[in-house]
Amino acid sequence: MSHATGWTGWLEGTALAVAMRQWAWLYPITEIAHIVGFAVLVGAAIMFDLRLLGVSSQLPVIGMARHLLPWARASLVLVIPSGLMMFTAHADEFAGNPVFRLKLALIATAGLNAAVFHQWSFGSVARWDREVGAPWPAKVSAVLSLVLWPSVISCGRLLAYF
C-alpha cells in the first residue's frame, strides 16, 4: 500500500496503479514495451543523426526522413502509455526522484531539439539532400540528439538504483 499523499497518492490509488503493483507480469511487460518503443525511437533518431553528420551521404536525407520518422512517431504509441503506466505505480517515488526529473528534462530538451531542427534546418533539405554536407545548425542538432537520447536511456536505467 502506498503512503503517498496529494496528487501522487491519488494516482497511486487508481485501479491501474494498483494493478501495476499487484499483477506479477503487468509491470515487467509494460517495461518491455517501453524499452522496445525507446529502442525504435532512439534507433531511428541515431540513424538519422548519423546521416546528418555525413555517414552514408549517398542516401538522401529526405528518403531517410520518410522512412525513419514514421517509425519514430509510431514508437510513441508504446513509449508514452507504458511510461505513464509505470509512473502511476510509483508516482510519489518517481515525482521526488532527481534522476526521473532529469530524464523528463532531457526528453523535453530532445523534443525541443527535434522541433527546432524540423522547423528551421529541415526546411532547406532540398539543397543538401544528397552528397552535400548538412548545414552546421543541422549538424549541431544531430550531435545534441546523439547526446540527449542516450542520456534519457541512461536516466531510465539509473531509476532502478537511485
N, C-alpha and C. Protein backbone atom coordinates (compact mmCIF):
# COMPACT_ATOMS: atom_id res chain seq x y z
N MET A 1 0.84 -1.19 0.00
CA MET A 1 0.00 0.00 0.00
C MET A 1 0.88 1.24 0.00
N SER A 2 0.53 2.18 -0.82
CA SER A 2 1.28 3.42 -0.93
C SER A 2 0.96 4.34 0.24
N HIS A 3 1.96 5.11 0.66
CA HIS A 3 1.78 6.11 1.70
C HIS A 3 1.85 7.51 1.12
N ALA A 4 1.75 7.62 -0.18
CA ALA A 4 1.84 8.90 -0.86
C ALA A 4 0.59 9.73 -0.57
N THR A 5 0.76 11.04 -0.63
CA THR A 5 -0.36 11.96 -0.42
C THR A 5 -0.47 12.88 -1.63
N GLY A 6 -1.52 13.67 -1.65
CA GLY A 6 -1.70 14.62 -2.75
C GLY A 6 -2.00 13.90 -4.06
N TRP A 7 -1.62 14.56 -5.13
CA TRP A 7 -1.93 14.01 -6.46
C TRP A 7 -1.21 12.70 -6.73
N THR A 8 0.00 12.54 -6.18
CA THR A 8 0.71 11.28 -6.40
C THR A 8 0.03 10.15 -5.63
N GLY A 9 -0.48 10.47 -4.45
CA GLY A 9 -1.22 9.48 -3.69
C GLY A 9 -2.50 9.06 -4.40
N TRP A 10 -3.20 10.06 -4.94
CA TRP A 10 -4.40 9.75 -5.71
C TRP A 10 -4.05 8.85 -6.89
N LEU A 11 -2.99 9.21 -7.62
CA LEU A 11 -2.58 8.45 -8.80
C LEU A 11 -2.21 7.02 -8.43
N GLU A 12 -1.47 6.86 -7.34
CA GLU A 12 -1.07 5.52 -6.90
C GLU A 12 -2.25 4.69 -6.42
N GLY A 13 -3.36 5.34 -6.10
CA GLY A 13 -4.55 4.62 -5.66
C GLY A 13 -5.48 4.21 -6.78
N THR A 14 -5.19 4.64 -8.00
CA THR A 14 -6.06 4.27 -9.13
C THR A 14 -5.96 2.76 -9.39
N ALA A 15 -7.00 2.25 -10.04
CA ALA A 15 -7.03 0.82 -10.35
C ALA A 15 -5.82 0.41 -11.20
N LEU A 16 -5.44 1.27 -12.14
CA LEU A 16 -4.28 0.95 -12.99
C LEU A 16 -3.02 0.83 -12.15
N ALA A 17 -2.79 1.79 -11.26
CA ALA A 17 -1.57 1.77 -10.44
C ALA A 17 -1.54 0.54 -9.53
N VAL A 18 -2.68 0.23 -8.95
CA VAL A 18 -2.75 -0.96 -8.09
C VAL A 18 -2.46 -2.21 -8.91
N ALA A 19 -3.05 -2.31 -10.09
CA ALA A 19 -2.80 -3.47 -10.95
C ALA A 19 -1.32 -3.54 -11.34
N MET A 20 -0.72 -2.40 -11.63
CA MET A 20 0.70 -2.38 -12.00
C MET A 20 1.57 -2.94 -10.87
N ARG A 21 1.17 -2.68 -9.63
CA ARG A 21 1.95 -3.17 -8.49
C ARG A 21 1.61 -4.60 -8.11
N GLN A 22 0.37 -5.03 -8.36
CA GLN A 22 -0.06 -6.33 -7.86
C GLN A 22 -0.01 -7.47 -8.87
N TRP A 23 -0.22 -7.20 -10.13
CA TRP A 23 -0.17 -8.26 -11.13
C TRP A 23 1.27 -8.54 -11.47
N ALA A 24 1.70 -9.74 -11.22
CA ALA A 24 3.12 -10.09 -11.31
C ALA A 24 3.75 -9.76 -12.66
N TRP A 25 3.01 -9.92 -13.74
CA TRP A 25 3.60 -9.74 -15.07
C TRP A 25 3.30 -8.39 -15.71
N LEU A 26 2.38 -7.62 -15.15
CA LEU A 26 1.97 -6.38 -15.82
C LEU A 26 3.10 -5.35 -15.87
N TYR A 27 3.78 -5.12 -14.76
CA TYR A 27 4.86 -4.14 -14.76
C TYR A 27 6.01 -4.57 -15.68
N PRO A 28 6.48 -5.82 -15.59
CA PRO A 28 7.57 -6.23 -16.50
C PRO A 28 7.18 -6.16 -17.98
N ILE A 29 5.96 -6.55 -18.31
CA ILE A 29 5.52 -6.48 -19.71
C ILE A 29 5.46 -5.02 -20.17
N THR A 30 4.96 -4.17 -19.30
CA THR A 30 4.89 -2.74 -19.62
C THR A 30 6.29 -2.17 -19.80
N GLU A 31 7.21 -2.57 -18.94
CA GLU A 31 8.59 -2.09 -19.05
C GLU A 31 9.24 -2.58 -20.35
N ILE A 32 8.96 -3.80 -20.74
CA ILE A 32 9.49 -4.33 -22.01
C ILE A 32 8.94 -3.52 -23.18
N ALA A 33 7.65 -3.22 -23.16
CA ALA A 33 7.06 -2.39 -24.22
C ALA A 33 7.74 -1.02 -24.27
N HIS A 34 8.02 -0.46 -23.10
CA HIS A 34 8.69 0.84 -23.01
C HIS A 34 10.09 0.77 -23.62
N ILE A 35 10.80 -0.27 -23.28
CA ILE A 35 12.17 -0.45 -23.79
C ILE A 35 12.17 -0.68 -25.31
N VAL A 36 11.25 -1.50 -25.79
CA VAL A 36 11.16 -1.74 -27.24
C VAL A 36 10.82 -0.44 -27.96
N GLY A 37 9.86 0.30 -27.42
CA GLY A 37 9.50 1.58 -28.02
C GLY A 37 10.66 2.54 -28.06
N PHE A 38 11.41 2.62 -26.97
CA PHE A 38 12.57 3.50 -26.93
C PHE A 38 13.65 3.03 -27.89
N ALA A 39 13.81 1.72 -28.04
CA ALA A 39 14.80 1.20 -28.99
C ALA A 39 14.47 1.65 -30.41
N VAL A 40 13.20 1.59 -30.77
CA VAL A 40 12.79 2.03 -32.11
C VAL A 40 12.97 3.54 -32.25
N LEU A 41 12.51 4.29 -31.26
CA LEU A 41 12.62 5.76 -31.29
C LEU A 41 14.07 6.21 -31.39
N VAL A 42 14.88 5.73 -30.48
CA VAL A 42 16.28 6.17 -30.43
C VAL A 42 17.06 5.59 -31.60
N GLY A 43 16.75 4.38 -32.01
CA GLY A 43 17.41 3.81 -33.18
C GLY A 43 17.16 4.64 -34.42
N ALA A 44 15.92 5.05 -34.62
CA ALA A 44 15.59 5.90 -35.77
C ALA A 44 16.31 7.24 -35.67
N ALA A 45 16.31 7.82 -34.48
CA ALA A 45 16.98 9.11 -34.29
C ALA A 45 18.47 9.00 -34.56
N ILE A 46 19.10 7.96 -34.06
CA ILE A 46 20.55 7.80 -34.25
C ILE A 46 20.88 7.60 -35.73
N MET A 47 20.11 6.78 -36.43
CA MET A 47 20.37 6.59 -37.86
C MET A 47 20.26 7.91 -38.62
N PHE A 48 19.23 8.68 -38.30
CA PHE A 48 19.04 9.97 -38.98
C PHE A 48 20.15 10.95 -38.61
N ASP A 49 20.50 11.00 -37.33
CA ASP A 49 21.56 11.90 -36.88
C ASP A 49 22.89 11.58 -37.54
N LEU A 50 23.20 10.30 -37.64
CA LEU A 50 24.46 9.91 -38.29
C LEU A 50 24.47 10.34 -39.76
N ARG A 51 23.32 10.22 -40.41
CA ARG A 51 23.24 10.68 -41.81
C ARG A 51 23.50 12.19 -41.89
N LEU A 52 22.94 12.95 -40.95
CA LEU A 52 23.17 14.40 -40.94
C LEU A 52 24.64 14.73 -40.73
N LEU A 53 25.34 13.85 -40.04
CA LEU A 53 26.77 14.07 -39.77
C LEU A 53 27.66 13.52 -40.89
N GLY A 54 27.05 13.02 -41.96
CA GLY A 54 27.83 12.62 -43.12
C GLY A 54 27.98 11.13 -43.35
N VAL A 55 27.48 10.31 -42.46
CA VAL A 55 27.55 8.86 -42.66
C VAL A 55 26.55 8.48 -43.76
N SER A 56 26.98 7.65 -44.68
CA SER A 56 26.13 7.22 -45.80
C SER A 56 25.56 8.41 -46.57
N SER A 57 26.42 9.34 -46.93
CA SER A 57 25.97 10.57 -47.58
C SER A 57 25.34 10.32 -48.95
N GLN A 58 25.52 9.13 -49.50
CA GLN A 58 24.88 8.81 -50.78
C GLN A 58 23.38 8.60 -50.61
N LEU A 59 22.92 8.36 -49.39
CA LEU A 59 21.49 8.19 -49.13
C LEU A 59 20.84 9.56 -48.98
N PRO A 60 19.70 9.77 -49.61
CA PRO A 60 19.05 11.07 -49.49
C PRO A 60 18.47 11.27 -48.09
N VAL A 61 18.68 12.47 -47.56
CA VAL A 61 18.15 12.81 -46.24
C VAL A 61 16.63 12.73 -46.25
N ILE A 62 16.02 13.23 -47.31
CA ILE A 62 14.56 13.20 -47.40
C ILE A 62 14.05 11.75 -47.37
N GLY A 63 14.71 10.87 -48.08
CA GLY A 63 14.31 9.46 -48.08
C GLY A 63 14.46 8.83 -46.70
N MET A 64 15.55 9.17 -46.02
CA MET A 64 15.74 8.64 -44.66
C MET A 64 14.65 9.16 -43.74
N ALA A 65 14.33 10.44 -43.86
CA ALA A 65 13.28 11.03 -43.03
C ALA A 65 11.94 10.35 -43.30
N ARG A 66 11.62 10.14 -44.56
CA ARG A 66 10.35 9.48 -44.91
C ARG A 66 10.28 8.06 -44.37
N HIS A 67 11.42 7.41 -44.30
CA HIS A 67 11.44 6.03 -43.79
C HIS A 67 11.47 5.98 -42.26
N LEU A 68 12.31 6.80 -41.64
CA LEU A 68 12.54 6.69 -40.20
C LEU A 68 11.52 7.44 -39.35
N LEU A 69 11.05 8.59 -39.80
CA LEU A 69 10.14 9.40 -38.98
C LEU A 69 8.85 8.67 -38.64
N PRO A 70 8.22 7.95 -39.57
CA PRO A 70 7.02 7.20 -39.18
C PRO A 70 7.30 6.16 -38.09
N TRP A 71 8.46 5.52 -38.14
CA TRP A 71 8.83 4.56 -37.10
C TRP A 71 8.99 5.26 -35.76
N ALA A 72 9.65 6.40 -35.77
CA ALA A 72 9.85 7.16 -34.53
C ALA A 72 8.50 7.59 -33.95
N ARG A 73 7.64 8.11 -34.80
CA ARG A 73 6.31 8.53 -34.32
C ARG A 73 5.50 7.34 -33.80
N ALA A 74 5.53 6.24 -34.53
CA ALA A 74 4.79 5.05 -34.11
C ALA A 74 5.30 4.52 -32.78
N SER A 75 6.58 4.65 -32.53
CA SER A 75 7.14 4.15 -31.27
C SER A 75 6.55 4.87 -30.07
N LEU A 76 6.10 6.09 -30.28
CA LEU A 76 5.49 6.85 -29.18
C LEU A 76 4.21 6.19 -28.67
N VAL A 77 3.58 5.38 -29.52
CA VAL A 77 2.39 4.63 -29.11
C VAL A 77 2.75 3.63 -28.01
N LEU A 78 3.98 3.15 -28.01
CA LEU A 78 4.46 2.27 -26.94
C LEU A 78 5.07 3.07 -25.79
N VAL A 79 5.90 4.03 -26.12
CA VAL A 79 6.69 4.74 -25.11
C VAL A 79 5.82 5.55 -24.15
N ILE A 80 4.93 6.36 -24.67
CA ILE A 80 4.16 7.26 -23.80
C ILE A 80 3.21 6.50 -22.88
N PRO A 81 2.32 5.64 -23.40
CA PRO A 81 1.43 4.94 -22.46
C PRO A 81 2.17 4.05 -21.47
N SER A 82 3.20 3.36 -21.92
CA SER A 82 3.93 2.48 -21.00
C SER A 82 4.65 3.30 -19.93
N GLY A 83 5.21 4.42 -20.32
CA GLY A 83 5.87 5.29 -19.34
C GLY A 83 4.88 5.82 -18.31
N LEU A 84 3.72 6.23 -18.78
CA LEU A 84 2.69 6.72 -17.85
C LEU A 84 2.19 5.61 -16.93
N MET A 85 2.05 4.41 -17.49
CA MET A 85 1.61 3.28 -16.66
C MET A 85 2.62 2.98 -15.56
N MET A 86 3.91 2.97 -15.90
CA MET A 86 4.93 2.71 -14.88
C MET A 86 4.96 3.83 -13.85
N PHE A 87 4.77 5.07 -14.31
CA PHE A 87 4.76 6.20 -13.38
C PHE A 87 3.63 6.07 -12.37
N THR A 88 2.44 5.66 -12.81
CA THR A 88 1.31 5.56 -11.88
C THR A 88 1.60 4.61 -10.73
N ALA A 89 2.34 3.56 -11.00
CA ALA A 89 2.62 2.55 -9.98
C ALA A 89 3.45 3.10 -8.83
N HIS A 90 4.32 4.05 -9.13
CA HIS A 90 5.24 4.60 -8.12
C HIS A 90 5.34 6.11 -8.26
N ALA A 91 4.21 6.77 -8.42
CA ALA A 91 4.19 8.20 -8.73
C ALA A 91 4.91 9.03 -7.67
N ASP A 92 4.68 8.73 -6.41
CA ASP A 92 5.30 9.53 -5.35
C ASP A 92 6.82 9.38 -5.37
N GLU A 93 7.28 8.16 -5.52
CA GLU A 93 8.72 7.89 -5.56
C GLU A 93 9.36 8.56 -6.78
N PHE A 94 8.74 8.40 -7.95
CA PHE A 94 9.31 8.98 -9.17
C PHE A 94 9.26 10.51 -9.14
N ALA A 95 8.15 11.07 -8.70
CA ALA A 95 7.99 12.53 -8.71
C ALA A 95 9.07 13.22 -7.88
N GLY A 96 9.53 12.57 -6.83
CA GLY A 96 10.56 13.15 -5.98
C GLY A 96 11.97 12.74 -6.34
N ASN A 97 12.12 11.93 -7.37
CA ASN A 97 13.43 11.40 -7.73
C ASN A 97 14.15 12.35 -8.70
N PRO A 98 15.32 12.87 -8.32
CA PRO A 98 16.03 13.79 -9.22
C PRO A 98 16.44 13.15 -10.54
N VAL A 99 16.69 11.86 -10.57
CA VAL A 99 17.04 11.18 -11.82
C VAL A 99 15.83 11.17 -12.76
N PHE A 100 14.64 10.94 -12.20
CA PHE A 100 13.42 10.96 -13.02
C PHE A 100 13.17 12.36 -13.56
N ARG A 101 13.36 13.35 -12.72
CA ARG A 101 13.18 14.74 -13.17
C ARG A 101 14.18 15.09 -14.26
N LEU A 102 15.41 14.62 -14.12
CA LEU A 102 16.41 14.85 -15.16
C LEU A 102 15.99 14.15 -16.45
N LYS A 103 15.47 12.94 -16.34
CA LYS A 103 15.00 12.21 -17.53
C LYS A 103 13.93 13.01 -18.25
N LEU A 104 12.97 13.54 -17.51
CA LEU A 104 11.91 14.34 -18.13
C LEU A 104 12.47 15.60 -18.78
N ALA A 105 13.42 16.25 -18.12
CA ALA A 105 14.04 17.45 -18.69
C ALA A 105 14.80 17.12 -19.97
N LEU A 106 15.49 16.00 -19.97
CA LEU A 106 16.23 15.57 -21.17
C LEU A 106 15.28 15.23 -22.31
N ILE A 107 14.16 14.58 -22.00
CA ILE A 107 13.16 14.27 -23.03
C ILE A 107 12.61 15.57 -23.62
N ALA A 108 12.29 16.52 -22.76
CA ALA A 108 11.77 17.80 -23.24
C ALA A 108 12.81 18.51 -24.11
N THR A 109 14.06 18.47 -23.70
CA THR A 109 15.13 19.10 -24.47
C THR A 109 15.32 18.40 -25.82
N ALA A 110 15.28 17.08 -25.82
CA ALA A 110 15.41 16.33 -27.07
C ALA A 110 14.23 16.62 -28.00
N GLY A 111 13.04 16.71 -27.44
CA GLY A 111 11.87 17.05 -28.24
C GLY A 111 11.96 18.45 -28.83
N LEU A 112 12.42 19.39 -28.01
CA LEU A 112 12.62 20.76 -28.49
C LEU A 112 13.68 20.80 -29.58
N ASN A 113 14.75 20.07 -29.39
CA ASN A 113 15.81 19.99 -30.39
C ASN A 113 15.25 19.47 -31.72
N ALA A 114 14.45 18.43 -31.67
CA ALA A 114 13.85 17.88 -32.89
C ALA A 114 12.90 18.88 -33.53
N ALA A 115 12.10 19.57 -32.72
CA ALA A 115 11.17 20.56 -33.25
C ALA A 115 11.91 21.71 -33.92
N VAL A 116 12.97 22.19 -33.29
CA VAL A 116 13.77 23.27 -33.87
C VAL A 116 14.40 22.81 -35.18
N PHE A 117 14.93 21.60 -35.21
CA PHE A 117 15.52 21.06 -36.44
C PHE A 117 14.48 21.04 -37.56
N HIS A 118 13.31 20.48 -37.27
CA HIS A 118 12.29 20.35 -38.31
C HIS A 118 11.74 21.71 -38.74
N GLN A 119 11.70 22.66 -37.83
CA GLN A 119 11.18 23.99 -38.16
C GLN A 119 12.16 24.78 -39.02
N TRP A 120 13.47 24.72 -38.70
CA TRP A 120 14.43 25.58 -39.38
C TRP A 120 15.35 24.83 -40.34
N SER A 121 16.06 23.87 -39.89
CA SER A 121 17.05 23.21 -40.75
C SER A 121 16.43 22.35 -41.84
N PHE A 122 15.42 21.57 -41.49
CA PHE A 122 14.86 20.62 -42.45
C PHE A 122 14.16 21.32 -43.62
N GLY A 123 13.74 22.55 -43.41
CA GLY A 123 13.08 23.30 -44.47
C GLY A 123 13.95 23.50 -45.70
N SER A 124 15.26 23.51 -45.53
CA SER A 124 16.18 23.72 -46.65
C SER A 124 16.81 22.42 -47.13
N VAL A 125 16.27 21.28 -46.75
CA VAL A 125 16.90 19.99 -47.02
C VAL A 125 17.09 19.72 -48.51
N ALA A 126 16.26 20.27 -49.35
CA ALA A 126 16.41 20.02 -50.80
C ALA A 126 17.77 20.48 -51.31
N ARG A 127 18.37 21.47 -50.64
CA ARG A 127 19.68 21.98 -51.06
C ARG A 127 20.83 21.08 -50.60
N TRP A 128 20.61 20.25 -49.60
CA TRP A 128 21.69 19.40 -49.07
C TRP A 128 21.23 17.96 -48.86
N ASP A 129 20.30 17.53 -49.67
CA ASP A 129 19.67 16.22 -49.53
C ASP A 129 20.63 15.06 -49.75
N ARG A 130 21.54 15.19 -50.70
CA ARG A 130 22.39 14.05 -51.05
C ARG A 130 23.77 14.56 -51.46
N GLU A 131 24.79 13.86 -50.98
CA GLU A 131 26.18 14.11 -51.39
C GLU A 131 26.68 15.51 -51.04
N VAL A 132 25.91 16.25 -50.27
CA VAL A 132 26.33 17.58 -49.80
C VAL A 132 26.19 17.56 -48.29
N GLY A 133 27.14 18.14 -47.61
CA GLY A 133 27.07 18.16 -46.16
C GLY A 133 25.90 18.98 -45.65
N ALA A 134 25.33 18.52 -44.57
CA ALA A 134 24.25 19.26 -43.93
C ALA A 134 24.80 20.57 -43.38
N PRO A 135 23.99 21.61 -43.29
CA PRO A 135 24.45 22.87 -42.72
C PRO A 135 24.77 22.69 -41.23
N TRP A 136 25.60 23.58 -40.71
CA TRP A 136 26.05 23.42 -39.33
C TRP A 136 24.91 23.38 -38.32
N PRO A 137 23.80 24.15 -38.47
CA PRO A 137 22.73 24.00 -37.47
C PRO A 137 22.14 22.59 -37.44
N ALA A 138 22.05 21.94 -38.60
CA ALA A 138 21.55 20.56 -38.64
C ALA A 138 22.53 19.62 -37.96
N LYS A 139 23.82 19.86 -38.16
CA LYS A 139 24.84 19.02 -37.52
C LYS A 139 24.84 19.22 -36.01
N VAL A 140 24.66 20.45 -35.56
CA VAL A 140 24.59 20.71 -34.12
C VAL A 140 23.39 19.98 -33.53
N SER A 141 22.26 20.03 -34.23
CA SER A 141 21.06 19.33 -33.78
C SER A 141 21.32 17.82 -33.69
N ALA A 142 22.03 17.29 -34.68
CA ALA A 142 22.34 15.85 -34.68
C ALA A 142 23.23 15.48 -33.51
N VAL A 143 24.24 16.28 -33.24
CA VAL A 143 25.14 16.00 -32.11
C VAL A 143 24.37 16.08 -30.80
N LEU A 144 23.53 17.10 -30.65
CA LEU A 144 22.72 17.21 -29.44
C LEU A 144 21.83 15.98 -29.27
N SER A 145 21.21 15.56 -30.35
CA SER A 145 20.35 14.38 -30.30
C SER A 145 21.13 13.14 -29.89
N LEU A 146 22.34 13.00 -30.44
CA LEU A 146 23.19 11.84 -30.11
C LEU A 146 23.64 11.85 -28.65
N VAL A 147 23.62 12.99 -28.02
CA VAL A 147 23.95 13.08 -26.59
C VAL A 147 22.68 12.92 -25.75
N LEU A 148 21.61 13.59 -26.17
CA LEU A 148 20.39 13.62 -25.35
C LEU A 148 19.70 12.27 -25.24
N TRP A 149 19.47 11.58 -26.36
CA TRP A 149 18.71 10.33 -26.29
C TRP A 149 19.41 9.24 -25.49
N PRO A 150 20.69 9.00 -25.67
CA PRO A 150 21.35 8.03 -24.79
C PRO A 150 21.33 8.47 -23.32
N SER A 151 21.34 9.77 -23.08
CA SER A 151 21.25 10.26 -21.70
C SER A 151 19.88 9.94 -21.11
N VAL A 152 18.83 10.07 -21.92
CA VAL A 152 17.49 9.71 -21.46
C VAL A 152 17.46 8.23 -21.08
N ILE A 153 18.02 7.40 -21.94
CA ILE A 153 18.06 5.95 -21.67
C ILE A 153 18.85 5.67 -20.39
N SER A 154 19.96 6.34 -20.23
CA SER A 154 20.78 6.15 -19.02
C SER A 154 20.00 6.52 -17.77
N CYS A 155 19.28 7.62 -17.82
CA CYS A 155 18.47 8.00 -16.66
C CYS A 155 17.41 6.95 -16.37
N GLY A 156 16.80 6.42 -17.42
CA GLY A 156 15.80 5.38 -17.22
C GLY A 156 16.37 4.17 -16.50
N ARG A 157 17.56 3.79 -16.88
CA ARG A 157 18.21 2.65 -16.21
C ARG A 157 18.60 3.02 -14.77
N LEU A 158 19.07 4.23 -14.57
CA LEU A 158 19.51 4.65 -13.24
C LEU A 158 18.37 4.75 -12.24
N LEU A 159 17.14 4.85 -12.73
CA LEU A 159 15.99 4.92 -11.82
C LEU A 159 15.92 3.70 -10.91
N ALA A 160 16.41 2.59 -11.38
CA ALA A 160 16.38 1.36 -10.56
C ALA A 160 17.36 1.43 -9.40
N TYR A 161 18.29 2.36 -9.45
CA TYR A 161 19.36 2.41 -8.44
C TYR A 161 19.33 3.65 -7.56
N PHE A 162 18.58 4.66 -7.95
CA PHE A 162 18.55 5.90 -7.16
C PHE A 162 17.14 6.25 -6.75
